[in-house]
PDB file of all heavy atoms in Angstrom:
ATOM      1  N   ILE A   1       0.840  -1.186   0.000  1.00  0.00           N
ATOM      2  CA  ILE A   1       0.000   0.000   0.000  1.00  0.00           C
ATOM      3  C   ILE A   1       0.878   1.240   0.000  1.00  0.00           C
ATOM      4  O   ILE A   1       1.957   1.256   0.599  1.00  0.00           O
ATOM      5  CB  ILE A   1      -0.962   0.012   1.215  1.00  0.00           C
ATOM      6  CG1 ILE A   1      -1.956   1.161   1.125  1.00  0.00           C
ATOM      7  CG2 ILE A   1      -0.189   0.054   2.528  1.00  0.00           C
ATOM      8  CD1 ILE A   1      -3.098   1.054   2.129  1.00  0.00           C
ATOM      9  N   ILE A   2       0.419   2.261  -0.691  1.00  0.00           N
ATOM     10  CA  ILE A   2       1.087   3.554  -0.676  1.00  0.00           C
ATOM     11  C   ILE A   2       0.025   4.621  -0.471  1.00  0.00           C
ATOM     12  O   ILE A   2      -0.965   4.679  -1.189  1.00  0.00           O
ATOM     13  CB  ILE A   2       1.908   3.789  -1.967  1.00  0.00           C
ATOM     14  CG1 ILE A   2       2.649   5.129  -1.896  1.00  0.00           C
ATOM     15  CG2 ILE A   2       1.044   3.696  -3.213  1.00  0.00           C
ATOM     16  CD1 ILE A   2       3.721   5.274  -2.974  1.00  0.00           C
ATOM     17  N   SER A   3       0.227   5.449   0.533  1.00  0.00           N
ATOM     18  CA  SER A   3      -0.758   6.462   0.861  1.00  0.00           C
ATOM     19  C   SER A   3      -0.625   7.669  -0.049  1.00  0.00           C
ATOM     20  O   SER A   3       0.320   7.789  -0.832  1.00  0.00           O
ATOM     21  CB  SER A   3      -0.609   6.890   2.319  1.00  0.00           C
ATOM     22  OG  SER A   3       0.532   7.722   2.481  1.00  0.00           O
ATOM     23  N   ARG A   4      -1.583   8.570   0.074  1.00  0.00           N
ATOM     24  CA  ARG A   4      -1.499   9.815  -0.683  1.00  0.00           C
ATOM     25  C   ARG A   4      -0.295  10.644  -0.274  1.00  0.00           C
ATOM     26  O   ARG A   4       0.149  11.494  -1.043  1.00  0.00           O
ATOM     27  CB  ARG A   4      -2.785  10.615  -0.508  1.00  0.00           C
ATOM     28  CG  ARG A   4      -3.060  11.043   0.932  1.00  0.00           C
ATOM     29  CD  ARG A   4      -4.435  11.660   1.047  1.00  0.00           C
ATOM     30  NE  ARG A   4      -4.718  12.123   2.396  1.00  0.00           N
ATOM     31  CZ  ARG A   4      -5.200  11.352   3.364  1.00  0.00           C
ATOM     32  NH1 ARG A   4      -5.466  10.082   3.122  1.00  0.00           N
ATOM     33  NH2 ARG A   4      -5.434  11.859   4.571  1.00  0.00           N
ATOM     34  N   ASN A   5       0.223  10.402   0.933  1.00  0.00           N
ATOM     35  CA  ASN A   5       1.430  11.059   1.402  1.00  0.00           C
ATOM     36  C   ASN A   5       2.693  10.261   1.095  1.00  0.00           C
ATOM     37  O   ASN A   5       3.778  10.605   1.561  1.00  0.00           O
ATOM     38  CB  ASN A   5       1.341  11.313   2.909  1.00  0.00           C
ATOM     39  CG  ASN A   5       0.201  12.231   3.275  1.00  0.00           C
ATOM     40  OD1 ASN A   5      -0.049  13.223   2.594  1.00  0.00           O
ATOM     41  ND2 ASN A   5      -0.502  11.904   4.349  1.00  0.00           N
ATOM     42  N   ARG A   6       2.536   9.164   0.353  1.00  0.00           N
ATOM     43  CA  ARG A   6       3.639   8.341  -0.156  1.00  0.00           C
ATOM     44  C   ARG A   6       4.340   7.524   0.914  1.00  0.00           C
ATOM     45  O   ARG A   6       5.482   7.076   0.713  1.00  0.00           O
ATOM     46  CB  ARG A   6       4.644   9.202  -0.925  1.00  0.00           C
ATOM     47  CG  ARG A   6       3.995   9.965  -2.075  1.00  0.00           C
ATOM     48  CD  ARG A   6       4.977  10.821  -2.826  1.00  0.00           C
ATOM     49  NE  ARG A   6       5.895  10.029  -3.630  1.00  0.00           N
ATOM     50  CZ  ARG A   6       6.766  10.543  -4.489  1.00  0.00           C
ATOM     51  NH1 ARG A   6       6.830  11.850  -4.658  1.00  0.00           N
ATOM     52  NH2 ARG A   6       7.570   9.746  -5.171  1.00  0.00           N
ATOM     53  N   THR A   7       3.667   7.281   2.025  1.00  0.00           N
ATOM     54  CA  THR A   7       4.159   6.280   2.953  1.00  0.00           C
ATOM     55  C   THR A   7       3.777   4.902   2.431  1.00  0.00           C
ATOM     56  O   THR A   7       2.755   4.746   1.759  1.00  0.00           O
ATOM     57  CB  THR A   7       3.583   6.483   4.360  1.00  0.00           C
ATOM     58  OG1 THR A   7       2.148   6.438   4.306  1.00  0.00           O
ATOM     59  CG2 THR A   7       4.020   7.815   4.933  1.00  0.00           C
ATOM     60  N   THR A   8       4.587   3.897   2.722  1.00  0.00           N
ATOM     61  CA  THR A   8       4.378   2.566   2.169  1.00  0.00           C
ATOM     62  C   THR A   8       4.393   1.506   3.251  1.00  0.00           C
ATOM     63  O   THR A   8       4.961   1.689   4.322  1.00  0.00           O
ATOM     64  CB  THR A   8       5.441   2.227   1.120  1.00  0.00           C
ATOM     65  OG1 THR A   8       6.742   2.279   1.723  1.00  0.00           O
ATOM     66  CG2 THR A   8       5.398   3.208  -0.036  1.00  0.00           C
ATOM     67  N   ASP A   9       3.772   0.385   2.936  1.00  0.00           N
ATOM     68  CA  ASP A   9       3.801  -0.774   3.799  1.00  0.00           C
ATOM     69  C   ASP A   9       3.664  -2.012   2.920  1.00  0.00           C
ATOM     70  O   ASP A   9       3.058  -1.953   1.850  1.00  0.00           O
ATOM     71  CB  ASP A   9       2.680  -0.722   4.837  1.00  0.00           C
ATOM     72  CG  ASP A   9       2.913  -1.670   6.000  1.00  0.00           C
ATOM     73  OD1 ASP A   9       4.049  -2.170   6.155  1.00  0.00           O
ATOM     74  OD2 ASP A   9       1.957  -1.908   6.768  1.00  0.00           O
ATOM     75  N   TYR A  10       4.223  -3.133   3.391  1.00  0.00           N
ATOM     76  CA  TYR A  10       4.251  -4.348   2.606  1.00  0.00           C
ATOM     77  C   TYR A  10       3.897  -5.551   3.450  1.00  0.00           C
ATOM     78  O   TYR A  10       4.162  -5.589   4.657  1.00  0.00           O
ATOM     79  CB  TYR A  10       5.642  -4.578   2.009  1.00  0.00           C
ATOM     80  CG  TYR A  10       6.104  -3.497   1.073  1.00  0.00           C
ATOM     81  CD1 TYR A  10       6.790  -2.385   1.553  1.00  0.00           C
ATOM     82  CD2 TYR A  10       5.864  -3.588  -0.296  1.00  0.00           C
ATOM     83  CE1 TYR A  10       7.221  -1.390   0.683  1.00  0.00           C
ATOM     84  CE2 TYR A  10       6.288  -2.603  -1.159  1.00  0.00           C
ATOM     85  CZ  TYR A  10       6.966  -1.505  -0.667  1.00  0.00           C
ATOM     86  OH  TYR A  10       7.394  -0.517  -1.524  1.00  0.00           O
ATOM     87  N   ALA A  11       3.319  -6.544   2.807  1.00  0.00           N
ATOM     88  CA  ALA A  11       3.152  -7.833   3.456  1.00  0.00           C
ATOM     89  C   ALA A  11       4.520  -8.447   3.711  1.00  0.00           C
ATOM     90  O   ALA A  11       5.460  -8.258   2.930  1.00  0.00           O
ATOM     91  CB  ALA A  11       2.308  -8.764   2.593  1.00  0.00           C
ATOM     92  N   ASP A  12       4.639  -9.182   4.808  1.00  0.00           N
ATOM     93  CA  ASP A  12       5.923  -9.781   5.154  1.00  0.00           C
ATOM     94  C   ASP A  12       6.459 -10.683   4.044  1.00  0.00           C
ATOM     95  O   ASP A  12       7.669 -10.769   3.835  1.00  0.00           O
ATOM     96  CB  ASP A  12       5.801 -10.586   6.448  1.00  0.00           C
ATOM     97  CG  ASP A  12       5.648  -9.713   7.680  1.00  0.00           C
ATOM     98  OD1 ASP A  12       5.982  -8.512   7.609  1.00  0.00           O
ATOM     99  OD2 ASP A  12       5.205 -10.234   8.718  1.00  0.00           O
ATOM    100  N   SER A  13       5.578 -11.333   3.333  1.00  0.00           N
ATOM    101  CA  SER A  13       5.984 -12.281   2.313  1.00  0.00           C
ATOM    102  C   SER A  13       6.659 -11.642   1.105  1.00  0.00           C
ATOM    103  O   SER A  13       7.317 -12.338   0.328  1.00  0.00           O
ATOM    104  CB  SER A  13       4.776 -13.101   1.843  1.00  0.00           C
ATOM    105  OG  SER A  13       3.768 -12.261   1.318  1.00  0.00           O
ATOM    106  N   VAL A  14       6.501 -10.326   0.937  1.00  0.00           N
ATOM    107  CA  VAL A  14       7.067  -9.657  -0.234  1.00  0.00           C
ATOM    108  C   VAL A  14       8.086  -8.594   0.118  1.00  0.00           C
ATOM    109  O   VAL A  14       8.678  -7.984  -0.786  1.00  0.00           O
ATOM    110  CB  VAL A  14       5.965  -9.039  -1.124  1.00  0.00           C
ATOM    111  CG1 VAL A  14       4.925 -10.084  -1.490  1.00  0.00           C
ATOM    112  CG2 VAL A  14       5.315  -7.847  -0.430  1.00  0.00           C
ATOM    113  N   LYS A  15       8.326  -8.355   1.392  1.00  0.00           N
ATOM    114  CA  LYS A  15       9.283  -7.339   1.803  1.00  0.00           C
ATOM    115  C   LYS A  15      10.670  -7.637   1.234  1.00  0.00           C
ATOM    116  O   LYS A  15      11.136  -8.768   1.276  1.00  0.00           O
ATOM    117  CB  LYS A  15       9.352  -7.253   3.326  1.00  0.00           C
ATOM    118  CG  LYS A  15       8.168  -6.574   3.965  1.00  0.00           C
ATOM    119  CD  LYS A  15       8.313  -6.491   5.477  1.00  0.00           C
ATOM    120  CE  LYS A  15       7.133  -5.776   6.108  1.00  0.00           C
ATOM    121  NZ  LYS A  15       7.229  -5.743   7.588  1.00  0.00           N
ATOM    122  N   GLY A  16      11.288  -6.608   0.709  1.00  0.00           N
ATOM    123  CA  GLY A  16      12.601  -6.758   0.112  1.00  0.00           C
ATOM    124  C   GLY A  16      12.578  -7.198  -1.326  1.00  0.00           C
ATOM    125  O   GLY A  16      13.621  -7.162  -1.997  1.00  0.00           O
ATOM    126  N   ARG A  17      11.420  -7.620  -1.829  1.00  0.00           N
ATOM    127  CA  ARG A  17      11.308  -8.086  -3.208  1.00  0.00           C
ATOM    128  C   ARG A  17      10.409  -7.194  -4.061  1.00  0.00           C
ATOM    129  O   ARG A  17      10.672  -7.001  -5.247  1.00  0.00           O
ATOM    130  CB  ARG A  17      10.776  -9.516  -3.251  1.00  0.00           C
ATOM    131  CG  ARG A  17      11.666 -10.517  -2.526  1.00  0.00           C
ATOM    132  CD  ARG A  17      11.203 -11.951  -2.782  1.00  0.00           C
ATOM    133  NE  ARG A  17       9.859 -12.193  -2.264  1.00  0.00           N
ATOM    134  CZ  ARG A  17       8.829 -12.586  -3.007  1.00  0.00           C
ATOM    135  NH1 ARG A  17       8.983 -12.795  -4.306  1.00  0.00           N
ATOM    136  NH2 ARG A  17       7.640 -12.798  -2.450  1.00  0.00           N
ATOM    137  N   PHE A  18       9.345  -6.668  -3.467  1.00  0.00           N
ATOM    138  CA  PHE A  18       8.381  -5.840  -4.192  1.00  0.00           C
ATOM    139  C   PHE A  18       8.516  -4.388  -3.762  1.00  0.00           C
ATOM    140  O   PHE A  18       8.818  -4.091  -2.596  1.00  0.00           O
ATOM    141  CB  PHE A  18       6.945  -6.291  -3.917  1.00  0.00           C
ATOM    142  CG  PHE A  18       6.584  -7.642  -4.473  1.00  0.00           C
ATOM    143  CD1 PHE A  18       7.522  -8.466  -5.065  1.00  0.00           C
ATOM    144  CD2 PHE A  18       5.268  -8.078  -4.388  1.00  0.00           C
ATOM    145  CE1 PHE A  18       7.174  -9.704  -5.572  1.00  0.00           C
ATOM    146  CE2 PHE A  18       4.900  -9.317  -4.889  1.00  0.00           C
ATOM    147  CZ  PHE A  18       5.855 -10.133  -5.480  1.00  0.00           C
ATOM    148  N   THR A  19       8.253  -3.484  -4.692  1.00  0.00           N
ATOM    149  CA  THR A  19       8.272  -2.059  -4.404  1.00  0.00           C
ATOM    150  C   THR A  19       7.055  -1.397  -5.032  1.00  0.00           C
ATOM    151  O   THR A  19       6.828  -1.530  -6.240  1.00  0.00           O
ATOM    152  CB  THR A  19       9.540  -1.382  -4.939  1.00  0.00           C
ATOM    153  OG1 THR A  19      10.700  -2.002  -4.373  1.00  0.00           O
ATOM    154  CG2 THR A  19       9.549   0.101  -4.575  1.00  0.00           C
ATOM    155  N   ILE A  20       6.277  -0.697  -4.224  1.00  0.00           N
ATOM    156  CA  ILE A  20       5.128   0.038  -4.726  1.00  0.00           C
ATOM    157  C   ILE A  20       5.516   1.506  -4.888  1.00  0.00           C
ATOM    158  O   ILE A  20       6.270   2.052  -4.081  1.00  0.00           O
ATOM    159  CB  ILE A  20       3.902  -0.115  -3.789  1.00  0.00           C
ATOM    160  CG1 ILE A  20       2.650   0.468  -4.438  1.00  0.00           C
ATOM    161  CG2 ILE A  20       4.160   0.506  -2.423  1.00  0.00           C
ATOM    162  CD1 ILE A  20       1.362   0.145  -3.678  1.00  0.00           C
ATOM    163  N   SER A  21       5.014   2.130  -5.936  1.00  0.00           N
ATOM    164  CA  SER A  21       5.296   3.530  -6.187  1.00  0.00           C
ATOM    165  C   SER A  21       4.107   4.158  -6.898  1.00  0.00           C
ATOM    166  O   SER A  21       3.207   3.454  -7.363  1.00  0.00           O
ATOM    167  CB  SER A  21       6.580   3.707  -7.016  1.00  0.00           C
ATOM    168  OG  SER A  21       6.453   3.082  -8.280  1.00  0.00           O
ATOM    169  N   ARG A  22       4.108   5.475  -6.977  1.00  0.00           N
ATOM    170  CA  ARG A  22       3.020   6.168  -7.669  1.00  0.00           C
ATOM    171  C   ARG A  22       3.562   7.378  -8.397  1.00  0.00           C
ATOM    172  O   ARG A  22       4.570   7.973  -8.005  1.00  0.00           O
ATOM    173  CB  ARG A  22       1.908   6.572  -6.693  1.00  0.00           C
ATOM    174  CG  ARG A  22       2.313   7.615  -5.655  1.00  0.00           C
ATOM    175  CD  ARG A  22       1.253   7.744  -4.563  1.00  0.00           C
ATOM    176  NE  ARG A  22      -0.014   8.227  -5.082  1.00  0.00           N
ATOM    177  CZ  ARG A  22      -1.180   8.138  -4.451  1.00  0.00           C
ATOM    178  NH1 ARG A  22      -1.239   7.524  -3.267  1.00  0.00           N
ATOM    179  NH2 ARG A  22      -2.287   8.625  -4.991  1.00  0.00           N
ATOM    180  N   ASN A  23       2.879   7.744  -9.462  1.00  0.00           N
ATOM    181  CA  ASN A  23       3.190   8.922 -10.241  1.00  0.00           C
ATOM    182  C   ASN A  23       1.898   9.717 -10.354  1.00  0.00           C
ATOM    183  O   ASN A  23       1.010   9.362 -11.131  1.00  0.00           O
ATOM    184  CB  ASN A  23       3.734   8.548 -11.619  1.00  0.00           C
ATOM    185  CG  ASN A  23       4.207   9.744 -12.412  1.00  0.00           C
ATOM    186  OD1 ASN A  23       3.597  10.816 -12.376  1.00  0.00           O
ATOM    187  ND2 ASN A  23       5.302   9.584 -13.144  1.00  0.00           N
ATOM    188  N   ASN A  24       1.794  10.768  -9.576  1.00  0.00           N
ATOM    189  CA  ASN A  24       0.542  11.513  -9.513  1.00  0.00           C
ATOM    190  C   ASN A  24       0.223  12.251 -10.809  1.00  0.00           C
ATOM    191  O   ASN A  24      -0.947  12.415 -11.152  1.00  0.00           O
ATOM    192  CB  ASN A  24       0.568  12.495  -8.342  1.00  0.00           C
ATOM    193  CG  ASN A  24       0.481  11.797  -7.000  1.00  0.00           C
ATOM    194  OD1 ASN A  24       0.195  10.610  -6.919  1.00  0.00           O
ATOM    195  ND2 ASN A  24       0.732  12.546  -5.926  1.00  0.00           N
ATOM    196  N   SER A  25       1.243  12.710 -11.515  1.00  0.00           N
ATOM    197  CA  SER A  25       0.999  13.408 -12.773  1.00  0.00           C
ATOM    198  C   SER A  25       0.404  12.471 -13.816  1.00  0.00           C
ATOM    199  O   SER A  25      -0.373  12.900 -14.670  1.00  0.00           O
ATOM    200  CB  SER A  25       2.285  14.041 -13.299  1.00  0.00           C
ATOM    201  OG  SER A  25       3.240  13.070 -13.662  1.00  0.00           O
ATOM    202  N   LYS A  26       0.761  11.201 -13.756  1.00  0.00           N
ATOM    203  CA  LYS A  26       0.213  10.198 -14.664  1.00  0.00           C
ATOM    204  C   LYS A  26      -0.967   9.450 -14.070  1.00  0.00           C
ATOM    205  O   LYS A  26      -1.548   8.590 -14.740  1.00  0.00           O
ATOM    206  CB  LYS A  26       1.293   9.202 -15.074  1.00  0.00           C
ATOM    207  CG  LYS A  26       2.438   9.814 -15.859  1.00  0.00           C
ATOM    208  CD  LYS A  26       3.452   8.757 -16.256  1.00  0.00           C
ATOM    209  CE  LYS A  26       4.570   9.345 -17.081  1.00  0.00           C
ATOM    210  NZ  LYS A  26       5.562   8.320 -17.477  1.00  0.00           N
ATOM    211  N   LYS A  27      -1.302   9.758 -12.837  1.00  0.00           N
ATOM    212  CA  LYS A  27      -2.388   9.091 -12.119  1.00  0.00           C
ATOM    213  C   LYS A  27      -2.239   7.576 -12.194  1.00  0.00           C
ATOM    214  O   LYS A  27      -3.171   6.850 -12.539  1.00  0.00           O
ATOM    215  CB  LYS A  27      -3.746   9.552 -12.640  1.00  0.00           C
ATOM    216  CG  LYS A  27      -4.008  11.026 -12.395  1.00  0.00           C
ATOM    217  CD  LYS A  27      -5.459  11.408 -12.628  1.00  0.00           C
ATOM    218  CE  LYS A  27      -5.821  11.324 -14.097  1.00  0.00           C
ATOM    219  NZ  LYS A  27      -7.220  11.797 -14.338  1.00  0.00           N
ATOM    220  N   SER A  28      -1.039   7.115 -11.867  1.00  0.00           N
ATOM    221  CA  SER A  28      -0.721   5.698 -11.961  1.00  0.00           C
ATOM    222  C   SER A  28      -0.016   5.207 -10.708  1.00  0.00           C
ATOM    223  O   SER A  28       0.664   5.973 -10.017  1.00  0.00           O
ATOM    224  CB  SER A  28       0.170   5.423 -13.173  1.00  0.00           C
ATOM    225  OG  SER A  28      -0.494   5.723 -14.383  1.00  0.00           O
ATOM    226  N   VAL A  29      -0.196   3.931 -10.437  1.00  0.00           N
ATOM    227  CA  VAL A  29       0.508   3.263  -9.357  1.00  0.00           C
ATOM    228  C   VAL A  29       1.156   2.014  -9.936  1.00  0.00           C
ATOM    229  O   VAL A  29       0.610   1.390 -10.857  1.00  0.00           O
ATOM    230  CB  VAL A  29      -0.441   2.930  -8.181  1.00  0.00           C
ATOM    231  CG1 VAL A  29      -1.550   1.981  -8.624  1.00  0.00           C
ATOM    232  CG2 VAL A  29       0.337   2.354  -7.008  1.00  0.00           C
ATOM    233  N   TYR A  30       2.322   1.654  -9.393  1.00  0.00           N
ATOM    234  CA  TYR A  30       3.108   0.564  -9.946  1.00  0.00           C
ATOM    235  C   TYR A  30       3.508  -0.412  -8.851  1.00  0.00           C
ATOM    236  O   TYR A  30       3.607  -0.058  -7.678  1.00  0.00           O
ATOM    237  CB  TYR A  30       4.372   1.099 -10.622  1.00  0.00           C
ATOM    238  CG  TYR A  30       4.117   2.224 -11.588  1.00  0.00           C
ATOM    239  CD1 TYR A  30       4.249   3.549 -11.188  1.00  0.00           C
ATOM    240  CD2 TYR A  30       3.732   1.967 -12.895  1.00  0.00           C
ATOM    241  CE1 TYR A  30       4.008   4.585 -12.069  1.00  0.00           C
ATOM    242  CE2 TYR A  30       3.483   2.994 -13.782  1.00  0.00           C
ATOM    243  CZ  TYR A  30       3.624   4.303 -13.369  1.00  0.00           C
ATOM    244  OH  TYR A  30       3.377   5.327 -14.245  1.00  0.00           O
ATOM    245  N   LEU A  31       3.752  -1.631  -9.260  1.00  0.00           N
ATOM    246  CA  LEU A  31       4.305  -2.633  -8.366  1.00  0.00           C
ATOM    247  C   LEU A  31       5.452  -3.326  -9.078  1.00  0.00           C
ATOM    248  O   LEU A  31       5.227  -4.099 -10.009  1.00  0.00           O
ATOM    249  CB  LEU A  31       3.247  -3.656  -7.943  1.00  0.00           C
ATOM    250  CG  LEU A  31       3.701  -4.667  -6.890  1.00  0.00           C
ATOM    251  CD1 LEU A  31       3.947  -3.978  -5.548  1.00  0.00           C
ATOM    252  CD2 LEU A  31       2.673  -5.784  -6.726  1.00  0.00           C
ATOM    253  N   GLN A  32       6.668  -3.002  -8.658  1.00  0.00           N
ATOM    254  CA  GLN A  32       7.847  -3.675  -9.187  1.00  0.00           C
ATOM    255  C   GLN A  32       8.060  -4.955  -8.403  1.00  0.00           C
ATOM    256  O   GLN A  32       8.227  -4.921  -7.180  1.00  0.00           O
ATOM    257  CB  GLN A  32       9.076  -2.766  -9.078  1.00  0.00           C
ATOM    258  CG  GLN A  32      10.364  -3.385  -9.592  1.00  0.00           C
ATOM    259  CD  GLN A  32      10.329  -3.643 -11.080  1.00  0.00           C
ATOM    260  OE1 GLN A  32       9.941  -2.777 -11.852  1.00  0.00           O
ATOM    261  NE2 GLN A  32      10.718  -4.839 -11.488  1.00  0.00           N
ATOM    262  N   MET A  33       8.054  -6.072  -9.097  1.00  0.00           N
ATOM    263  CA  MET A  33       8.136  -7.382  -8.469  1.00  0.00           C
ATOM    264  C   MET A  33       9.425  -8.055  -8.916  1.00  0.00           C
ATOM    265  O   MET A  33       9.569  -8.421 -10.080  1.00  0.00           O
ATOM    266  CB  MET A  33       6.923  -8.233  -8.852  1.00  0.00           C
ATOM    267  CG  MET A  33       5.588  -7.525  -8.635  1.00  0.00           C
ATOM    268  SD  MET A  33       4.194  -8.319  -9.497  1.00  0.00           S
ATOM    269  CE  MET A  33       4.094  -9.855  -8.609  1.00  0.00           C
ATOM    270  N   ASN A  34      10.357  -8.209  -7.979  1.00  0.00           N
ATOM    271  CA  ASN A  34      11.637  -8.833  -8.266  1.00  0.00           C
ATOM    272  C   ASN A  34      11.768 -10.151  -7.510  1.00  0.00           C
ATOM    273  O   ASN A  34      11.089 -10.385  -6.513  1.00  0.00           O
ATOM    274  CB  ASN A  34      12.788  -7.907  -7.868  1.00  0.00           C
ATOM    275  CG  ASN A  34      12.813  -6.622  -8.662  1.00  0.00           C
ATOM    276  OD1 ASN A  34      12.425  -6.587  -9.827  1.00  0.00           O
ATOM    277  ND2 ASN A  34      13.287  -5.553  -8.032  1.00  0.00           N
ATOM    278  N   ASN A  35      12.675 -10.983  -8.000  1.00  0.00           N
ATOM    279  CA  ASN A  35      12.925 -12.284  -7.376  1.00  0.00           C
ATOM    280  C   ASN A  35      11.627 -13.037  -7.128  1.00  0.00           C
ATOM    281  O   ASN A  35      11.356 -13.512  -6.023  1.00  0.00           O
ATOM    282  CB  ASN A  35      13.707 -12.103  -6.075  1.00  0.00           C
ATOM    283  CG  ASN A  35      14.255 -13.404  -5.529  1.00  0.00           C
ATOM    284  OD1 ASN A  35      14.453 -14.370  -6.266  1.00  0.00           O
ATOM    285  ND2 ASN A  35      14.501 -13.447  -4.227  1.00  0.00           N
ATOM    286  N   LEU A  36      10.827 -13.153  -8.154  1.00  0.00           N
ATOM    287  CA  LEU A  36       9.524 -13.797  -8.023  1.00  0.00           C
ATOM    288  C   LEU A  36       9.658 -15.273  -7.691  1.00  0.00           C
ATOM    289  O   LEU A  36      10.583 -15.949  -8.140  1.00  0.00           O
ATOM    290  CB  LEU A  36       8.724 -13.615  -9.305  1.00  0.00           C
ATOM    291  CG  LEU A  36       8.125 -12.217  -9.475  1.00  0.00           C
ATOM    292  CD1 LEU A  36       7.750 -11.961 -10.929  1.00  0.00           C
ATOM    293  CD2 LEU A  36       6.906 -12.053  -8.574  1.00  0.00           C
ATOM    294  N   LYS A  37       8.708 -15.749  -6.908  1.00  0.00           N
ATOM    295  CA  LYS A  37       8.662 -17.134  -6.474  1.00  0.00           C
ATOM    296  C   LYS A  37       7.374 -17.784  -6.963  1.00  0.00           C
ATOM    297  O   LYS A  37       6.378 -17.093  -7.186  1.00  0.00           O
ATOM    298  CB  LYS A  37       8.727 -17.213  -4.944  1.00  0.00           C
ATOM    299  CG  LYS A  37       9.940 -16.535  -4.324  1.00  0.00           C
ATOM    300  CD  LYS A  37       9.863 -16.574  -2.814  1.00  0.00           C
ATOM    301  CE  LYS A  37      11.066 -15.893  -2.187  1.00  0.00           C
ATOM    302  NZ  LYS A  37      10.998 -15.917  -0.699  1.00  0.00           N
ATOM    303  N   PRO A  38       7.362 -19.104  -7.118  1.00  0.00           N
ATOM    304  CA  PRO A  38       6.127 -19.767  -7.537  1.00  0.00           C
ATOM    305  C   PRO A  38       4.940 -19.449  -6.632  1.00  0.00           C
ATOM    306  O   PRO A  38       3.803 -19.366  -7.114  1.00  0.00           O
ATOM    307  CB  PRO A  38       6.488 -21.252  -7.482  1.00  0.00           C
ATOM    308  CG  PRO A  38       7.954 -21.279  -7.755  1.00  0.00           C
ATOM    309  CD  PRO A  38       8.496 -20.047  -7.067  1.00  0.00           C
TER     310      PRO A  38
END
């Protein structure tokens, strides 16, 4: 989750692997997922 103030929080299972971000000018939110597991 990423708040309107850009604070973030993650589930324990994805910490260190996933990154959430947002671009307000593009009105978009992203989830970068690295080191994916089955």
